[in-house]
Amino acid sequence: MAADQQTVSVIVPNYNYEKTLGACLDAVFAQTHRPYEVIVVDDGSTDRSREIAAGYPCRVVSGGGNRGVSAARNLGAREARGDILFFVDSDVALRPDAIANALEVMAADPECGCVHGTYDTRPLYDDGPVEHYKVLHAHWWRRRSVGRVNTAVFALAAVRRSVFLAAGPFHEGLRDAEDVEYSDRLARVTTIRLTDTVVGRHDDCAGFRAMLREQYRRSLPLAAFAGAHRMRAGSVAVNPALGVLTAPLVLATLPLALAHPALLAVPLACFGLFLLADPGLLPFVRRERGLGFLAWFVGVHLVAQLAIVAGVTAGCAARLRGTGTPRPLTLAEGR
């Protein structure tokens, strides 16, 4: 079927995003490819979200309490009637051509059943330097992975209805890392593409502590996905392993300099490896924001990697105690 003949159901999971929901829906209804329907799944919001959504020509459905983004997406998919399910988070405002471009990518590759996009280098609302760090990093790791991949991120993603049914629903026991678990099943049934033609502006964390808490929380379930089959070619690395591993070594080896000044070379070497872990990242940040911001970016990035290490370590410890995250669904269970 031609791209312009595909019916698209836009699914917007939402929980207390009154700040951004209006901008998200404005962008959805400004698409050059008009959606067949727009479904806002309210996941038990206690702010003005439902009132805001009611001001748009969309369907608002209740998730029955705060059950998490996986449950909200699954409910939206069950309610949808379009050929294509286009998931967009309520803190993302799509560019006007986002849906049309996603359909073109799938039309150009009939084997492709899922297309996901990238964040703009500018945030939806400018809330300061921490958000600039988050948005630039989120843009970069997507951009360097553009092409055929084995990982999908559903903050802005289109998937054929038939493919979604084949892969099964999102794991509702996961509130974080749900995309990682789902990608493992999705890649078994279809081709996935990451494109820089499907773009949205994202409203991200604005506070330093909030950013670290988010990094830590999102890293907790990652121990469940540490199997070698999940590191296969085509997997998208948000943070290359070298950077994650060398960040704690920088701090751990600093006391060596107290024993002898010459041993300062050890933490400096670790720091050098940390800087080289993601080739292209630092030159990209310098081009976008200049040298002054680059120094800030490096410091924040180092601390963010430490939060990831702490989260993964805590997640591993919880699994060893038998109190970790729910086990991932198998393909058969996903159906």
C-alpha atoms as a PDB file:
ATOM      1  CA  MET A   1       0.000   0.000   0.000  1.00  0.00           C
ATOM      2  CA  ALA A   2       1.301   3.479  -0.911  1.00  0.00           C
ATOM      3  CA  ALA A   3       2.530   5.608   1.971  1.00  0.00           C
ATOM      4  CA  ASP A   4      -0.196   8.220   1.506  1.00  0.00           C
ATOM      5  CA  GLN A   5      -2.900   5.529   1.709  1.00  0.00           C
ATOM      6  CA  GLN A   6      -1.829   4.169   5.094  1.00  0.00           C
ATOM      7  CA  THR A   7      -4.141   4.988   7.999  1.00  0.00           C
ATOM      8  CA  VAL A   8      -2.227   6.063  11.082  1.00  0.00           C
ATOM      9  CA  SER A   9      -3.372   5.837  14.682  1.00  0.00           C
ATOM     10  CA  VAL A  10      -1.329   8.166  16.879  1.00  0.00           C
ATOM     11  CA  ILE A  11      -1.055   6.892  20.460  1.00  0.00           C
ATOM     12  CA  VAL A  12      -0.002   9.333  23.190  1.00  0.00           C
ATOM     13  CA  PRO A  13       0.588   7.820  26.650  1.00  0.00           C
ATOM     14  CA  ASN A  14       0.371  10.493  29.319  1.00  0.00           C
ATOM     15  CA  TYR A  15       0.884  10.841  33.042  1.00  0.00           C
ATOM     16  CA  ASN A  16       0.896  14.338  34.542  1.00  0.00           C
ATOM     17  CA  TYR A  17       2.385  16.105  31.526  1.00  0.00           C
ATOM     18  CA  GLU A  18       0.157  19.159  31.495  1.00  0.00           C
ATOM     19  CA  LYS A  19       3.256  21.249  30.747  1.00  0.00           C
ATOM     20  CA  THR A  20       3.878  19.622  27.359  1.00  0.00           C
ATOM     21  CA  LEU A  21       0.713  17.766  26.332  1.00  0.00           C
ATOM     22  CA  GLY A  22      -0.751  20.745  24.475  1.00  0.00           C
ATOM     23  CA  ALA A  23       2.436  21.243  22.445  1.00  0.00           C
ATOM     24  CA  CYS A  24       2.526  17.506  21.710  1.00  0.00           C
ATOM     25  CA  LEU A  25      -1.059  17.468  20.409  1.00  0.00           C
ATOM     26  CA  ASP A  26      -0.622  20.731  18.479  1.00  0.00           C
ATOM     27  CA  ALA A  27       2.250  19.066  16.622  1.00  0.00           C
ATOM     28  CA  VAL A  28       0.263  15.866  15.991  1.00  0.00           C
ATOM     29  CA  PHE A  29      -2.628  17.772  14.444  1.00  0.00           C
ATOM     30  CA  ALA A  30      -0.228  19.853  12.323  1.00  0.00           C
ATOM     31  CA  GLN A  31       1.174  16.779  10.521  1.00  0.00           C
ATOM     32  CA  THR A  32       1.357  16.869   6.738  1.00  0.00           C
ATOM     33  CA  HIS A  33       0.004  13.302   6.765  1.00  0.00           C
ATOM     34  CA  ARG A  34      -3.211  13.660   8.723  1.00  0.00           C
ATOM     35  CA  PRO A  35      -3.671  10.911  11.330  1.00  0.00           C
ATOM     36  CA  TYR A  36      -6.710   8.684  10.999  1.00  0.00           C
ATOM     37  CA  GLU A  37      -7.193   9.031  14.755  1.00  0.00           C
ATOM     38  CA  VAL A  38      -5.391  10.334  17.817  1.00  0.00           C
ATOM     39  CA  ILE A  39      -5.692   8.443  21.097  1.00  0.00           C
ATOM     40  CA  VAL A  40      -4.493   9.935  24.371  1.00  0.00           C
ATOM     41  CA  VAL A  41      -4.155   7.270  27.045  1.00  0.00           C
ATOM     42  CA  ASP A  42      -4.290   8.969  30.422  1.00  0.00           C
ATOM     43  CA  ASP A  43      -2.459   6.869  32.996  1.00  0.00           C
ATOM     44  CA  GLY A  44      -4.109   8.234  36.126  1.00  0.00           C
ATOM     45  CA  SER A  45      -3.018  11.878  35.840  1.00  0.00           C
ATOM     46  CA  THR A  46      -3.737  14.164  38.787  1.00  0.00           C
ATOM     47  CA  ASP A  47      -3.000  17.430  36.945  1.00  0.00           C
ATOM     48  CA  ARG A  48      -4.908  19.152  34.096  1.00  0.00           C
ATOM     49  CA  SER A  49      -3.891  16.624  31.450  1.00  0.00           C
ATOM     50  CA  ARG A  50      -7.380  15.248  30.776  1.00  0.00           C
ATOM     51  CA  GLU A  51      -8.829  18.755  30.547  1.00  0.00           C
ATOM     52  CA  ILE A  52      -6.125  19.748  28.057  1.00  0.00           C
ATOM     53  CA  ALA A  53      -6.641  16.624  25.925  1.00  0.00           C
ATOM     54  CA  ALA A  54     -10.408  17.204  25.910  1.00  0.00           C
ATOM     55  CA  GLY A  55      -9.795  20.454  24.020  1.00  0.00           C
ATOM     56  CA  TYR A  56      -8.535  18.518  20.978  1.00  0.00           C
ATOM     57  CA  PRO A  57     -10.399  16.286  18.477  1.00  0.00           C
ATOM     58  CA  CYS A  58      -8.921  13.120  19.945  1.00  0.00           C
ATOM     59  CA  ARG A  59     -10.120  10.158  21.964  1.00  0.00           C
ATOM     60  CA  VAL A  60      -9.127  10.190  25.614  1.00  0.00           C
ATOM     61  CA  VAL A  61      -9.120   6.788  27.284  1.00  0.00           C
ATOM     62  CA  SER A  62      -8.340   5.973  30.876  1.00  0.00           C
ATOM     63  CA  GLY A  63      -5.643   3.529  31.825  1.00  0.00           C
ATOM     64  CA  GLY A  64      -7.371   2.700  35.100  1.00  0.00           C
ATOM     65  CA  GLY A  65      -4.796   4.279  37.413  1.00  0.00           C
ATOM     66  CA  ASN A  66      -1.080   4.814  37.165  1.00  0.00           C
ATOM     67  CA  ARG A  67       0.024   1.496  35.624  1.00  0.00           C
ATOM     68  CA  GLY A  68       3.034   2.741  33.664  1.00  0.00           C
ATOM     69  CA  VAL A  69       3.891   3.606  30.080  1.00  0.00           C
ATOM     70  CA  SER A  70       3.862  -0.024  28.871  1.00  0.00           C
ATOM     71  CA  ALA A  71       0.279  -0.538  29.995  1.00  0.00           C
ATOM     72  CA  ALA A  72      -0.723   2.810  28.481  1.00  0.00           C
ATOM     73  CA  ARG A  73       0.804   1.958  25.115  1.00  0.00           C
ATOM     74  CA  ASN A  74      -0.822  -1.471  25.117  1.00  0.00           C
ATOM     75  CA  LEU A  75      -4.227   0.046  25.850  1.00  0.00           C
ATOM     76  CA  GLY A  76      -3.778   2.572  23.057  1.00  0.00           C
ATOM     77  CA  ALA A  77      -2.809  -0.191  20.633  1.00  0.00           C
ATOM     78  CA  ARG A  78      -5.914  -2.198  21.558  1.00  0.00           C
ATOM     79  CA  GLU A  79      -8.117   0.846  20.960  1.00  0.00           C
ATOM     80  CA  ALA A  80      -6.450   1.800  17.664  1.00  0.00           C
ATOM     81  CA  ARG A  81      -7.879   0.982  14.238  1.00  0.00           C
ATOM     82  CA  GLY A  82      -5.200   2.276  11.878  1.00  0.00           C
ATOM     83  CA  ASP A  83      -2.799   0.304   9.685  1.00  0.00           C
ATOM     84  CA  ILE A  84       0.133   1.993  11.428  1.00  0.00           C
ATOM     85  CA  LEU A  85       0.504   2.625  15.151  1.00  0.00           C
ATOM     86  CA  PHE A  86       2.504   5.782  15.751  1.00  0.00           C
ATOM     87  CA  PHE A  87       3.601   6.106  19.377  1.00  0.00           C
ATOM     88  CA  VAL A  88       4.680   9.533  20.619  1.00  0.00           C
ATOM     89  CA  ASP A  89       5.358  10.459  24.228  1.00  0.00           C
ATOM     90  CA  SER A  90       3.447  13.404  25.637  1.00  0.00           C
ATOM     91  CA  ASP A  91       6.658  15.391  26.218  1.00  0.00           C
ATOM     92  CA  VAL A  92       7.609  15.281  22.516  1.00  0.00           C
ATOM     93  CA  ALA A  93       6.444  17.668  19.778  1.00  0.00           C
ATOM     94  CA  LEU A  94       6.885  16.163  16.307  1.00  0.00           C
ATOM     95  CA  ARG A  95       8.085  18.070  13.284  1.00  0.00           C
ATOM     96  CA  PRO A  96       5.227  18.490  10.762  1.00  0.00           C
ATOM     97  CA  ASP A  97       6.647  15.858   8.390  1.00  0.00           C
ATOM     98  CA  ALA A  98       7.403  13.185  11.026  1.00  0.00           C
ATOM     99  CA  ILE A  99       4.520  10.816  10.241  1.00  0.00           C
ATOM    100  CA  ALA A 100       4.872  11.260   6.474  1.00  0.00           C
ATOM    101  CA  ASN A 101       8.594  10.519   6.653  1.00  0.00           C
ATOM    102  CA  ALA A 102       8.058   7.407   8.779  1.00  0.00           C
ATOM    103  CA  LEU A 103       5.627   6.085   6.186  1.00  0.00           C
ATOM    104  CA  GLU A 104       8.100   6.819   3.400  1.00  0.00           C
ATOM    105  CA  VAL A 105      10.831   4.847   5.191  1.00  0.00           C
ATOM    106  CA  MET A 106       8.532   1.832   5.503  1.00  0.00           C
ATOM    107  CA  ALA A 107       7.328   2.168   1.906  1.00  0.00           C
ATOM    108  CA  ALA A 108      10.928   2.170   0.674  1.00  0.00           C
ATOM    109  CA  ASP A 109      11.666  -1.049   2.601  1.00  0.00           C
ATOM    110  CA  PRO A 110       8.673  -3.432   2.643  1.00  0.00           C
ATOM    111  CA  GLU A 111      10.498  -5.643   5.173  1.00  0.00           C
ATOM    112  CA  CYS A 112      10.664  -2.758   7.639  1.00  0.00           C
ATOM    113  CA  GLY A 113       7.879  -3.013  10.201  1.00  0.00           C
ATOM    114  CA  CYS A 114       9.103  -0.394  12.672  1.00  0.00           C
ATOM    115  CA  VAL A 115      10.650   3.052  12.255  1.00  0.00           C
ATOM    116  CA  HIS A 116      11.773   5.226  15.127  1.00  0.00           C
ATOM    117  CA  GLY A 117      13.208   8.697  15.102  1.00  0.00           C
ATOM    118  CA  THR A 118      15.551  11.171  16.730  1.00  0.00           C
ATOM    119  CA  TYR A 119      15.284  14.127  19.077  1.00  0.00           C
ATOM    120  CA  ASP A 120      16.026  17.627  17.863  1.00  0.00           C
ATOM    121  CA  THR A 121      19.170  19.298  19.217  1.00  0.00           C
ATOM    122  CA  ARG A 122      16.914  21.917  20.847  1.00  0.00           C
ATOM    123  CA  PRO A 123      14.601  21.082  23.742  1.00  0.00           C
ATOM    124  CA  LEU A 124      10.873  21.635  23.530  1.00  0.00           C
ATOM    125  CA  TYR A 125      11.184  24.179  26.358  1.00  0.00           C
ATOM    126  CA  ASP A 126      14.546  25.631  27.307  1.00  0.00           C
ATOM    127  CA  ASP A 127      14.984  24.820  30.996  1.00  0.00           C
ATOM    128  CA  GLY A 128      18.735  25.292  31.276  1.00  0.00           C
ATOM    129  CA  PRO A 129      22.105  23.551  30.863  1.00  0.00           C
ATOM    130  CA  VAL A 130      21.176  20.163  32.348  1.00  0.00           C
ATOM    131  CA  GLU A 131      18.418  19.808  29.784  1.00  0.00           C
ATOM    132  CA  HIS A 132      20.813  20.911  27.044  1.00  0.00           C
ATOM    133  CA  TYR A 133      23.150  18.091  28.112  1.00  0.00           C
ATOM    134  CA  LYS A 134      20.326  15.555  28.019  1.00  0.00           C
ATOM    135  CA  VAL A 135      18.926  16.652  24.668  1.00  0.00           C
ATOM    136  CA  LEU A 136      22.282  16.830  22.905  1.00  0.00           C
ATOM    137  CA  HIS A 137      23.318  13.401  24.166  1.00  0.00           C
ATOM    138  CA  ALA A 138      19.934  11.897  23.258  1.00  0.00           C
ATOM    139  CA  HIS A 139      20.224  13.356  19.753  1.00  0.00           C
ATOM    140  CA  TRP A 140      23.800  12.183  19.311  1.00  0.00           C
ATOM    141  CA  TRP A 141      23.421   8.500  20.206  1.00  0.00           C
ATOM    142  CA  ARG A 142      20.451   8.209  17.876  1.00  0.00           C
ATOM    143  CA  ARG A 143      22.183  10.044  15.031  1.00  0.00           C
ATOM    144  CA  ARG A 144      25.301   7.894  15.151  1.00  0.00           C
ATOM    145  CA  SER A 145      23.118   4.765  14.889  1.00  0.00           C
ATOM    146  CA  VAL A 146      20.905   5.792  11.957  1.00  0.00           C
ATOM    147  CA  GLY A 147      20.086   2.891   9.649  1.00  0.00           C
ATOM    148  CA  ARG A 148      19.002  -0.693  10.147  1.00  0.00           C
ATOM    149  CA  VAL A 149      19.150  -1.565  13.848  1.00  0.00           C
ATOM    150  CA  ASN A 150      17.913  -4.191  16.295  1.00  0.00           C
ATOM    151  CA  THR A 151      16.710  -1.692  18.894  1.00  0.00           C
ATOM    152  CA  ALA A 152      13.590   0.497  18.914  1.00  0.00           C
ATOM    153  CA  VAL A 153      12.760   3.428  21.185  1.00  0.00           C
ATOM    154  CA  PHE A 154       9.075   4.239  21.321  1.00  0.00           C
ATOM    155  CA  ALA A 155       9.198   7.881  22.388  1.00  0.00           C
ATOM    156  CA  LEU A 156       8.519   8.560  18.694  1.00  0.00           C
ATOM    157  CA  ALA A 157       8.076   5.424  16.647  1.00  0.00           C
ATOM    158  CA  ALA A 158       5.811   3.919  14.006  1.00  0.00           C
ATOM    159  CA  VAL A 159       5.056   0.201  13.832  1.00  0.00           C
ATOM    160  CA  ARG A 160       2.800  -1.762  11.509  1.00  0.00           C
ATOM    161  CA  ARG A 161      -0.227  -3.117  13.345  1.00  0.00           C
ATOM    162  CA  SER A 162       0.493  -6.634  12.029  1.00  0.00           C
ATOM    163  CA  VAL A 163       4.048  -6.434  13.381  1.00  0.00           C
ATOM    164  CA  PHE A 164       2.867  -5.234  16.793  1.00  0.00           C
ATOM    165  CA  LEU A 165       0.477  -8.168  16.992  1.00  0.00           C
ATOM    166  CA  ALA A 166       3.253 -10.576  15.996  1.00  0.00           C
ATOM    167  CA  ALA A 167       5.744  -9.224  18.558  1.00  0.00           C
ATOM    168  CA  GLY A 168       3.138  -9.024  21.299  1.00  0.00           C
ATOM    169  CA  PRO A 169       2.407  -6.266  23.823  1.00  0.00           C
ATOM    170  CA  PHE A 170       4.851  -4.276  25.908  1.00  0.00           C
ATOM    171  CA  HIS A 171       5.883  -5.917  29.175  1.00  0.00           C
ATOM    172  CA  GLU A 172       3.587  -4.251  31.708  1.00  0.00           C
ATOM    173  CA  GLY A 173       5.788  -5.323  34.596  1.00  0.00           C
ATOM    174  CA  LEU A 174       8.472  -2.900  33.394  1.00  0.00           C
ATOM    175  CA  ARG A 175       8.255   0.854  33.930  1.00  0.00           C
ATOM    176  CA  ASP A 176      11.821   1.383  32.729  1.00  0.00           C
ATOM    177  CA  ALA A 177      13.860  -0.427  30.062  1.00  0.00           C
ATOM    178  CA  GLU A 178      10.588  -1.581  28.486  1.00  0.00           C
ATOM    179  CA  ASP A 179      11.960  -0.601  25.059  1.00  0.00           C
ATOM    180  CA  VAL A 180      14.989  -2.858  25.592  1.00  0.00           C
ATOM    181  CA  GLU A 181      12.841  -5.882  26.397  1.00  0.00           C
ATOM    182  CA  TYR A 182      10.386  -5.169  23.596  1.00  0.00           C
ATOM    183  CA  SER A 183      13.146  -4.692  21.021  1.00  0.00           C
ATOM    184  CA  ASP A 184      14.407  -8.197  21.693  1.00  0.00           C
ATOM    185  CA  ARG A 185      11.067  -9.622  20.578  1.00  0.00           C
ATOM    186  CA  LEU A 186      10.432  -7.077  17.835  1.00  0.00           C
ATOM    187  CA  ALA A 187      13.744  -7.762  16.075  1.00  0.00           C
ATOM    188  CA  ARG A 188      12.762 -11.432  15.716  1.00  0.00           C
ATOM    189  CA  VAL A 189       9.718 -10.626  13.596  1.00  0.00           C
ATOM    190  CA  THR A 190      10.643  -7.559  11.524  1.00  0.00           C
ATOM    191  CA  THR A 191      13.293  -5.151  10.313  1.00  0.00           C
ATOM    192  CA  ILE A 192      13.735  -2.032  12.452  1.00  0.00           C
ATOM    193  CA  ARG A 193      15.069   1.264  11.145  1.00  0.00           C
ATOM    194  CA  LEU A 194      16.287   4.321  13.017  1.00  0.00           C
ATOM    195  CA  THR A 195      15.973   7.480  10.930  1.00  0.00           C
ATOM    196  CA  ASP A 196      16.926  11.130  11.294  1.00  0.00           C
ATOM    197  CA  THR A 197      13.952  12.171   9.148  1.00  0.00           C
ATOM    198  CA  VAL A 198      11.433  11.506  11.955  1.00  0.00           C
ATOM    199  CA  VAL A 199      12.241  14.236  14.457  1.00  0.00           C
ATOM    200  CA  GLY A 200      10.658  15.645  17.591  1.00  0.00           C
ATOM    201  CA  ARG A 201      11.604  18.250  20.187  1.00  0.00           C
ATOM    202  CA  HIS A 202      11.767  16.740  23.664  1.00  0.00           C
ATOM    203  CA  ASP A 203      11.242  18.317  27.075  1.00  0.00           C
ATOM    204  CA  ASP A 204      13.792  16.600  29.301  1.00  0.00           C
ATOM    205  CA  CYS A 205      15.067  16.770  32.874  1.00  0.00           C
ATOM    206  CA  ALA A 206      15.970  20.278  33.984  1.00  0.00           C
ATOM    207  CA  GLY A 207      17.539  19.575  37.391  1.00  0.00           C
ATOM    208  CA  PHE A 208      20.889  17.918  38.070  1.00  0.00           C
ATOM    209  CA  ARG A 209      19.603  15.697  40.894  1.00  0.00           C
ATOM    210  CA  ALA A 210      16.508  14.758  38.899  1.00  0.00           C
ATOM    211  CA  MET A 211      18.713  13.765  35.974  1.00  0.00           C
ATOM    212  CA  LEU A 212      20.902  11.546  38.162  1.00  0.00           C
ATOM    213  CA  ARG A 213      17.874   9.909  39.788  1.00  0.00           C
ATOM    214  CA  GLU A 214      16.466   9.190  36.340  1.00  0.00           C
ATOM    215  CA  GLN A 215      19.738   7.694  35.104  1.00  0.00           C
ATOM    216  CA  TYR A 216      19.974   5.518  38.204  1.00  0.00           C
ATOM    217  CA  ARG A 217      16.326   4.370  38.041  1.00  0.00           C
ATOM    218  CA  ARG A 218      16.470   3.548  34.337  1.00  0.00           C
ATOM    219  CA  SER A 219      19.659   1.526  34.846  1.00  0.00           C
ATOM    220  CA  LEU A 220      18.234  -0.706  37.578  1.00  0.00           C
ATOM    221  CA  PRO A 221      16.506  -3.175  35.189  1.00  0.00           C
ATOM    222  CA  LEU A 222      19.415  -3.411  32.755  1.00  0.00           C
ATOM    223  CA  ALA A 223      20.960  -6.388  34.571  1.00  0.00           C
ATOM    224  CA  ALA A 224      18.032  -8.433  33.257  1.00  0.00           C
ATOM    225  CA  PHE A 225      19.130  -7.765  29.673  1.00  0.00           C
ATOM    226  CA  ALA A 226      22.822  -8.473  29.973  1.00  0.00           C
ATOM    227  CA  GLY A 227      22.751 -11.657  27.880  1.00  0.00           C
ATOM    228  CA  ALA A 228      25.095 -11.872  24.944  1.00  0.00           C
ATOM    229  CA  HIS A 229      22.203 -12.265  22.484  1.00  0.00           C
ATOM    230  CA  ARG A 230      21.141  -8.725  23.399  1.00  0.00           C
ATOM    231  CA  MET A 231      24.543  -7.375  22.415  1.00  0.00           C
ATOM    232  CA  ARG A 232      24.212  -8.639  18.840  1.00  0.00           C
ATOM    233  CA  ALA A 233      25.153  -6.509  15.841  1.00  0.00           C
ATOM    234  CA  GLY A 234      22.686  -3.722  15.250  1.00  0.00           C
ATOM    235  CA  SER A 235      21.926  -3.047  18.907  1.00  0.00           C
ATOM    236  CA  VAL A 236      21.925   0.676  19.661  1.00  0.00           C
ATOM    237  CA  ALA A 237      24.323   1.679  22.441  1.00  0.00           C
ATOM    238  CA  VAL A 238      23.147   4.730  24.341  1.00  0.00           C
ATOM    239  CA  ASN A 239      26.394   4.776  26.313  1.00  0.00           C
ATOM    240  CA  PRO A 240      29.311   2.722  24.942  1.00  0.00           C
ATOM    241  CA  ALA A 241      30.631   0.187  27.442  1.00  0.00           C
ATOM    242  CA  LEU A 242      34.103   1.756  27.498  1.00  0.00           C
ATOM    243  CA  GLY A 243      32.717   5.021  28.830  1.00  0.00           C
ATOM    244  CA  VAL A 244      30.591   3.340  31.464  1.00  0.00           C
ATOM    245  CA  LEU A 245      33.518   1.216  32.650  1.00  0.00           C
ATOM    246  CA  THR A 246      36.175   3.930  32.717  1.00  0.00           C
ATOM    247  CA  ALA A 247      34.062   6.567  34.517  1.00  0.00           C
ATOM    248  CA  PRO A 248      34.288   4.836  37.930  1.00  0.00           C
ATOM    249  CA  LEU A 249      37.960   4.045  37.298  1.00  0.00           C
ATOM    250  CA  VAL A 250      38.708   7.769  37.053  1.00  0.00           C
ATOM    251  CA  LEU A 251      37.512   8.257  40.632  1.00  0.00           C
ATOM    252  CA  ALA A 252      38.802   4.936  41.933  1.00  0.00           C
ATOM    253  CA  THR A 253      42.369   5.618  40.794  1.00  0.00           C
ATOM    254  CA  LEU A 254      42.604   9.262  41.914  1.00  0.00           C
ATOM    255  CA  PRO A 255      43.960   8.305  45.384  1.00  0.00           C
ATOM    256  CA  LEU A 256      47.014   6.845  43.644  1.00  0.00           C
ATOM    257  CA  ALA A 257      48.230  10.397  43.082  1.00  0.00           C
ATOM    258  CA  LEU A 258      48.469  10.812  46.862  1.00  0.00           C
ATOM    259  CA  ALA A 259      50.923   7.932  47.035  1.00  0.00           C
ATOM    260  CA  HIS A 260      53.178   9.376  44.332  1.00  0.00           C
ATOM    261  CA  PRO A 261      52.639  12.283  41.903  1.00  0.00           C
ATOM    262  CA  ALA A 262      53.731  10.122  38.974  1.00  0.00           C
ATOM    263  CA  LEU A 263      50.756   7.846  39.585  1.00  0.00           C
ATOM    264  CA  LEU A 264      48.444  10.686  38.583  1.00  0.00           C
ATOM    265  CA  ALA A 265      49.045   9.305  35.096  1.00  0.00           C
ATOM    266  CA  VAL A 266      46.711   6.393  35.905  1.00  0.00           C
ATOM    267  CA  PRO A 267      43.492   8.393  36.504  1.00  0.00           C
ATOM    268  CA  LEU A 268      44.474  10.706  33.640  1.00  0.00           C
ATOM    269  CA  ALA A 269      44.770   7.688  31.346  1.00  0.00           C
ATOM    270  CA  CYS A 270      41.353   6.462  32.496  1.00  0.00           C
ATOM    271  CA  PHE A 271      39.928   9.920  31.864  1.00  0.00           C
ATOM    272  CA  GLY A 272      41.464   9.934  28.387  1.00  0.00           C
ATOM    273  CA  LEU A 273      39.791   6.610  27.596  1.00  0.00           C
ATOM    274  CA  PHE A 274      36.535   7.996  28.926  1.00  0.00           C
ATOM    275  CA  LEU A 275      36.783  10.954  26.548  1.00  0.00           C
ATOM    276  CA  LEU A 276      37.488   8.645  23.602  1.00  0.00           C
ATOM    277  CA  ALA A 277      34.749   6.136  24.420  1.00  0.00           C
ATOM    278  CA  ASP A 278      32.159   7.698  22.116  1.00  0.00           C
ATOM    279  CA  PRO A 279      34.044   9.037  19.072  1.00  0.00           C
ATOM    280  CA  GLY A 280      32.380  12.068  17.564  1.00  0.00           C
ATOM    281  CA  LEU A 281      30.335  13.007  20.641  1.00  0.00           C
ATOM    282  CA  LEU A 282      32.599  15.745  21.983  1.00  0.00           C
ATOM    283  CA  PRO A 283      33.279  17.383  18.577  1.00  0.00           C
ATOM    284  CA  PHE A 284      29.508  17.347  17.995  1.00  0.00           C
ATOM    285  CA  VAL A 285      28.838  19.095  21.324  1.00  0.00           C
ATOM    286  CA  ARG A 286      31.548  21.667  20.603  1.00  0.00           C
ATOM    287  CA  ARG A 287      30.019  22.470  17.215  1.00  0.00           C
ATOM    288  CA  GLU A 288      26.569  22.803  18.721  1.00  0.00           C
ATOM    289  CA  ARG A 289      27.318  24.773  21.897  1.00  0.00           C
ATOM    290  CA  GLY A 290      30.977  25.866  21.957  1.00  0.00           C
ATOM    291  CA  LEU A 291      34.002  25.116  24.141  1.00  0.00           C
ATOM    292  CA  GLY A 292      32.588  26.508  27.368  1.00  0.00           C
ATOM    293  CA  PHE A 293      29.562  24.246  27.271  1.00  0.00           C
ATOM    294  CA  LEU A 294      31.747  21.301  26.211  1.00  0.00           C
ATOM    295  CA  ALA A 295      33.633  21.465  29.528  1.00  0.00           C
ATOM    296  CA  TRP A 296      30.310  21.436  31.408  1.00  0.00           C
ATOM    297  CA  PHE A 297      29.062  18.591  29.229  1.00  0.00           C
ATOM    298  CA  VAL A 298      32.095  16.406  29.971  1.00  0.00           C
ATOM    299  CA  GLY A 299      31.707  16.864  33.733  1.00  0.00           C
ATOM    300  CA  VAL A 300      27.995  16.114  33.704  1.00  0.00           C
ATOM    301  CA  HIS A 301      28.518  13.157  31.380  1.00  0.00           C
ATOM    302  CA  LEU A 302      31.100  11.662  33.741  1.00  0.00           C
ATOM    303  CA  VAL A 303      28.749  11.914  36.717  1.00  0.00           C
ATOM    304  CA  ALA A 304      25.865  10.519  34.630  1.00  0.00           C
ATOM    305  CA  GLN A 305      27.933   7.434  33.806  1.00  0.00           C
ATOM    306  CA  LEU A 306      28.586   6.949  37.520  1.00  0.00           C
ATOM    307  CA  ALA A 307      24.816   7.009  38.141  1.00  0.00           C
ATOM    308  CA  ILE A 308      24.397   4.336  35.469  1.00  0.00           C
ATOM    309  CA  VAL A 309      27.069   2.138  37.081  1.00  0.00           C
ATOM    310  CA  ALA A 310      25.377   2.565  40.471  1.00  0.00           C
ATOM    311  CA  GLY A 311      21.999   1.621  38.990  1.00  0.00           C
ATOM    312  CA  VAL A 312      23.265  -1.467  37.185  1.00  0.00           C
ATOM    313  CA  THR A 313      25.181  -2.579  40.291  1.00  0.00           C
ATOM    314  CA  ALA A 314      22.111  -2.159  42.480  1.00  0.00           C
ATOM    315  CA  GLY A 315      20.017  -4.003  39.890  1.00  0.00           C
ATOM    316  CA  CYS A 316      22.474  -6.922  39.827  1.00  0.00           C
ATOM    317  CA  ALA A 317      22.456  -7.089  43.618  1.00  0.00           C
ATOM    318  CA  ALA A 318      18.659  -7.117  43.667  1.00  0.00           C
ATOM    319  CA  ARG A 319      18.566  -9.957  41.139  1.00  0.00           C
ATOM    320  CA  LEU A 320      21.018 -11.980  43.215  1.00  0.00           C
ATOM    321  CA  ARG A 321      18.718 -11.502  46.205  1.00  0.00           C
ATOM    322  CA  GLY A 322      15.730 -12.480  44.096  1.00  0.00           C
ATOM    323  CA  THR A 323      14.072  -9.056  44.414  1.00  0.00           C
ATOM    324  CA  GLY A 324      14.954  -7.656  41.006  1.00  0.00           C
ATOM    325  CA  THR A 325      12.826  -6.646  38.053  1.00  0.00           C
ATOM    326  CA  PRO A 326      10.296  -9.079  36.554  1.00  0.00           C
ATOM    327  CA  ARG A 327      11.761 -11.519  34.089  1.00  0.00           C
ATOM    328  CA  PRO A 328      11.383 -10.535  30.423  1.00  0.00           C
ATOM    329  CA  LEU A 329       8.536 -12.092  28.434  1.00  0.00           C
ATOM    330  CA  THR A 330       9.369 -14.806  25.966  1.00  0.00           C
ATOM    331  CA  LEU A 331       8.169 -14.384  22.411  1.00  0.00           C
ATOM    332  CA  ALA A 332       5.340 -16.855  22.980  1.00  0.00           C
ATOM    333  CA  GLU A 333       4.259 -15.108  26.184  1.00  0.00           C
ATOM    334  CA  GLY A 334       4.372 -11.743  24.426  1.00  0.00           C
ATOM    335  CA  ARG A 335       1.695 -12.960  22.083  1.00  0.00           C
END
